[in-house]
Amino acid sequence: MYRRILVALDHTKADESLLPHIATLAALTNAELLLVLVADGWAARNYDRLKLVESEEMRDDRAYLERTAADMRQRHGLTVSSVLALGDPPREILRLSEESQCDLIAMST
């Protein structure tokens, strides 16, 4: 049914309600998960163009993604990868979904 599910996270409490449902669905369908968090602060939106250093927001988001992916692997035995994208959230989520050939996009906000 589903081979790859993109899970759009936003580093808020809303993620806590989404992740258990996605873990169950992924286990039932043997799907891989792609966790995506789009940093959209000023530094993130101008990172490449202005050749900026990684902001504190970006470092925090990357650490959150890594912890969340490790937890999903350990607790649920799932295949999980993660990507910290930069810029406009809707555009980046759609781009990554297409590039990664995801069958489903799951998001809470």
C-alpha atoms as a PDB file:
ATOM      1  CA  MET A   1       0.000   0.000   0.000  1.00  0.00           C
ATOM      2  CA  TYR A   2       2.468   2.674   1.165  1.00  0.00           C
ATOM      3  CA  ARG A   3       6.181   2.307   0.523  1.00  0.00           C
ATOM      4  CA  ARG A   4       7.432   5.692   1.728  1.00  0.00           C
ATOM      5  CA  ILE A   5       5.683   8.208   3.958  1.00  0.00           C
ATOM      6  CA  LEU A   6       6.888  11.779   4.346  1.00  0.00           C
ATOM      7  CA  VAL A   7       6.149  13.042   7.849  1.00  0.00           C
ATOM      8  CA  ALA A   8       6.219  16.838   8.053  1.00  0.00           C
ATOM      9  CA  LEU A   9       7.196  17.874  11.567  1.00  0.00           C
ATOM     10  CA  ASP A  10       7.179  21.347  13.063  1.00  0.00           C
ATOM     11  CA  HIS A  11       9.000  20.843  16.388  1.00  0.00           C
ATOM     12  CA  THR A  12       5.857  21.476  18.456  1.00  0.00           C
ATOM     13  CA  LYS A  13       3.515  19.432  20.658  1.00  0.00           C
ATOM     14  CA  ALA A  14       1.471  18.676  17.540  1.00  0.00           C
ATOM     15  CA  ASP A  15       4.175  16.198  16.485  1.00  0.00           C
ATOM     16  CA  GLU A  16       3.440  14.121  19.585  1.00  0.00           C
ATOM     17  CA  SER A  17      -0.107  13.445  18.372  1.00  0.00           C
ATOM     18  CA  LEU A  18       0.956  12.645  14.804  1.00  0.00           C
ATOM     19  CA  LEU A  19       3.910  10.307  15.340  1.00  0.00           C
ATOM     20  CA  PRO A  20       2.129   7.403  17.087  1.00  0.00           C
ATOM     21  CA  HIS A  21      -0.447   7.189  14.281  1.00  0.00           C
ATOM     22  CA  ILE A  22       2.239   7.235  11.615  1.00  0.00           C
ATOM     23  CA  ALA A  23       4.305   4.618  13.469  1.00  0.00           C
ATOM     24  CA  THR A  24       1.297   2.298  13.488  1.00  0.00           C
ATOM     25  CA  LEU A  25       0.563   2.892   9.810  1.00  0.00           C
ATOM     26  CA  ALA A  26       4.200   2.398   8.815  1.00  0.00           C
ATOM     27  CA  ALA A  27       4.410  -0.855  10.788  1.00  0.00           C
ATOM     28  CA  LEU A  28       1.210  -2.168   9.174  1.00  0.00           C
ATOM     29  CA  THR A  29       2.352  -1.354   5.641  1.00  0.00           C
ATOM     30  CA  ASN A  30       6.098  -1.904   6.130  1.00  0.00           C
ATOM     31  CA  ALA A  31       6.662   1.646   4.876  1.00  0.00           C
ATOM     32  CA  GLU A  32       9.804   3.703   5.262  1.00  0.00           C
ATOM     33  CA  LEU A  33       9.468   7.071   6.960  1.00  0.00           C
ATOM     34  CA  LEU A  34      11.046  10.307   5.824  1.00  0.00           C
ATOM     35  CA  LEU A  35      10.890  12.850   8.637  1.00  0.00           C
ATOM     36  CA  VAL A  36      11.077  16.402   7.318  1.00  0.00           C
ATOM     37  CA  LEU A  37      11.348  19.617   9.266  1.00  0.00           C
ATOM     38  CA  VAL A  38      11.563  22.879   7.344  1.00  0.00           C
ATOM     39  CA  ALA A  39      13.471  25.628   9.132  1.00  0.00           C
ATOM     40  CA  ASP A  40      11.967  28.861   7.898  1.00  0.00           C
ATOM     41  CA  GLY A  41      13.573  31.599   9.964  1.00  0.00           C
ATOM     42  CA  TRP A  42      15.516  34.439   8.368  1.00  0.00           C
ATOM     43  CA  ALA A  43      18.843  32.581   8.438  1.00  0.00           C
ATOM     44  CA  ALA A  44      17.286  29.428   6.988  1.00  0.00           C
ATOM     45  CA  ARG A  45      15.569  31.286   4.163  1.00  0.00           C
ATOM     46  CA  ASN A  46      18.786  33.100   3.226  1.00  0.00           C
ATOM     47  CA  TYR A  47      21.311  30.390   4.143  1.00  0.00           C
ATOM     48  CA  ASP A  48      22.510  29.467   0.647  1.00  0.00           C
ATOM     49  CA  ARG A  49      22.125  32.871  -0.991  1.00  0.00           C
ATOM     50  CA  LEU A  50      24.104  34.731   1.675  1.00  0.00           C
ATOM     51  CA  LYS A  51      26.379  31.804   2.616  1.00  0.00           C
ATOM     52  CA  LEU A  52      25.395  32.059   6.283  1.00  0.00           C
ATOM     53  CA  VAL A  53      26.428  29.820   9.145  1.00  0.00           C
ATOM     54  CA  GLU A  54      23.866  27.474  10.635  1.00  0.00           C
ATOM     55  CA  SER A  55      21.608  29.316  13.083  1.00  0.00           C
ATOM     56  CA  GLU A  56      20.657  28.122  16.553  1.00  0.00           C
ATOM     57  CA  GLU A  57      17.158  27.371  15.219  1.00  0.00           C
ATOM     58  CA  MET A  58      18.640  25.156  12.521  1.00  0.00           C
ATOM     59  CA  ARG A  59      20.910  23.332  15.001  1.00  0.00           C
ATOM     60  CA  ASP A  60      17.982  22.755  17.382  1.00  0.00           C
ATOM     61  CA  ASP A  61      15.772  21.516  14.552  1.00  0.00           C
ATOM     62  CA  ARG A  62      18.480  19.133  13.291  1.00  0.00           C
ATOM     63  CA  ALA A  63      18.994  17.705  16.797  1.00  0.00           C
ATOM     64  CA  TYR A  64      15.225  17.297  17.225  1.00  0.00           C
ATOM     65  CA  LEU A  65      14.978  15.440  13.914  1.00  0.00           C
ATOM     66  CA  GLU A  66      17.846  13.115  14.824  1.00  0.00           C
ATOM     67  CA  ARG A  67      16.336  12.340  18.262  1.00  0.00           C
ATOM     68  CA  THR A  68      12.904  11.736  16.777  1.00  0.00           C
ATOM     69  CA  ALA A  69      14.236   9.452  14.029  1.00  0.00           C
ATOM     70  CA  ALA A  70      16.315   7.462  16.540  1.00  0.00           C
ATOM     71  CA  ASP A  71      13.286   7.093  18.815  1.00  0.00           C
ATOM     72  CA  MET A  72      11.088   5.848  15.954  1.00  0.00           C
ATOM     73  CA  ARG A  73      13.755   3.308  14.980  1.00  0.00           C
ATOM     74  CA  GLN A  74      14.336   2.089  18.512  1.00  0.00           C
ATOM     75  CA  ARG A  75      10.761   2.012  19.837  1.00  0.00           C
ATOM     76  CA  HIS A  76       8.988   0.863  16.689  1.00  0.00           C
ATOM     77  CA  GLY A  77      11.686  -0.895  14.650  1.00  0.00           C
ATOM     78  CA  LEU A  78      10.992   1.291  11.623  1.00  0.00           C
ATOM     79  CA  THR A  79      13.217   2.365   8.759  1.00  0.00           C
ATOM     80  CA  VAL A  80      13.518   6.124   9.226  1.00  0.00           C
ATOM     81  CA  SER A  81      15.519   8.854   7.519  1.00  0.00           C
ATOM     82  CA  SER A  82      15.346  12.570   8.160  1.00  0.00           C
ATOM     83  CA  VAL A  83      15.939  15.820   6.317  1.00  0.00           C
ATOM     84  CA  LEU A  84      16.249  19.353   7.606  1.00  0.00           C
ATOM     85  CA  ALA A  85      15.074  21.531   4.741  1.00  0.00           C
ATOM     86  CA  LEU A  86      15.429  25.300   4.574  1.00  0.00           C
ATOM     87  CA  GLY A  87      13.006  27.880   3.249  1.00  0.00           C
ATOM     88  CA  ASP A  88       9.301  27.859   2.460  1.00  0.00           C
ATOM     89  CA  PRO A  89       7.623  24.871   4.201  1.00  0.00           C
ATOM     90  CA  PRO A  90       4.930  24.017   1.601  1.00  0.00           C
ATOM     91  CA  ARG A  91       7.374  24.268  -1.289  1.00  0.00           C
ATOM     92  CA  GLU A  92      10.057  22.194   0.464  1.00  0.00           C
ATOM     93  CA  ILE A  93       7.632  19.499   1.639  1.00  0.00           C
ATOM     94  CA  LEU A  94       6.285  19.032  -1.890  1.00  0.00           C
ATOM     95  CA  ARG A  95       9.771  19.071  -3.422  1.00  0.00           C
ATOM     96  CA  LEU A  96      11.077  16.430  -1.024  1.00  0.00           C
ATOM     97  CA  SER A  97       7.961  14.316  -1.452  1.00  0.00           C
ATOM     98  CA  GLU A  98       8.420  14.254  -5.212  1.00  0.00           C
ATOM     99  CA  GLU A  99      12.197  13.689  -5.066  1.00  0.00           C
ATOM    100  CA  SER A 100      11.807  10.844  -2.579  1.00  0.00           C
ATOM    101  CA  GLN A 101       8.818   9.320  -4.380  1.00  0.00           C
ATOM    102  CA  CYS A 102       6.639   9.376  -1.268  1.00  0.00           C
ATOM    103  CA  ASP A 103       3.212   7.791  -1.420  1.00  0.00           C
ATOM    104  CA  LEU A 104       1.743   9.796   1.433  1.00  0.00           C
ATOM    105  CA  ILE A 105       2.391  13.080   3.223  1.00  0.00           C
ATOM    106  CA  ALA A 106       1.414  13.137   6.896  1.00  0.00           C
ATOM    107  CA  MET A 107       1.248  16.400   8.795  1.00  0.00           C
ATOM    108  CA  SER A 108      -0.576  17.904  11.717  1.00  0.00           C
ATOM    109  CA  THR A 109      -0.353  21.658  11.143  1.00  0.00           C
END
